[in-house]
Amino acid sequence: MRYQILGQLRKLSGRVVVEIDAPSPIGTGAELTGNIVGRAELTNTGKTVTVRGRIAGGAALHCSRCLREFPWRFDISFVELGALRQIDDPEQYQLAEDEEEAIPLLDAEMVDLTELVRQLIAVEVPYRPLCRPDCAGLCPRCGADRNEGQCGCDDETIDPR
């Protein structure tokens, strides 16, 4: 998700629209399937670059109750702050007191949206994904999938005393 648009963005009020159609970034917390598609509008506002847009894609998640793999789709609208600073320079992540929190966008002389997109997706991935809201999960005794029917285990409650 690298673009050669730095010249246009360096100008105050410079505005560029980019189409996103790229492989998914690693480190999102999900096994993404296919490309990430969308559109982003970058506008230089002086100290920061406003990045506004929408991305969509899909992933294969595992249900936290029954452990089955199921497809998950996302469609994220966003407005984020970026900065025309180098991504790989740790000192660029140190904020001055009067500076707003902005994600560095430069990789050498290219504008790179990969980290921004990675963070957007990572926040959207469900913490406890469910294949469906009424998923019955697995039997704690025999491990049978309760979505396929009762397993026959005794559900008698044992007095813990």
Foldseek 3Di string as FASTA:
>chain_A
DKALCLVQQVDAQRKDKDWFWACADPDLPFAWDHTKTWMWMWTHHDFWIKIWIKIKGKTWDAALFARDTDIDIDIDTDIFIAGQDAQPDVVVQDDDPVDDRHHYQDHPNIGHCNVVRSVRSSVVPDPRDHNDPPQPGADPPPRHRCVVHDDPDDPDDDDPD
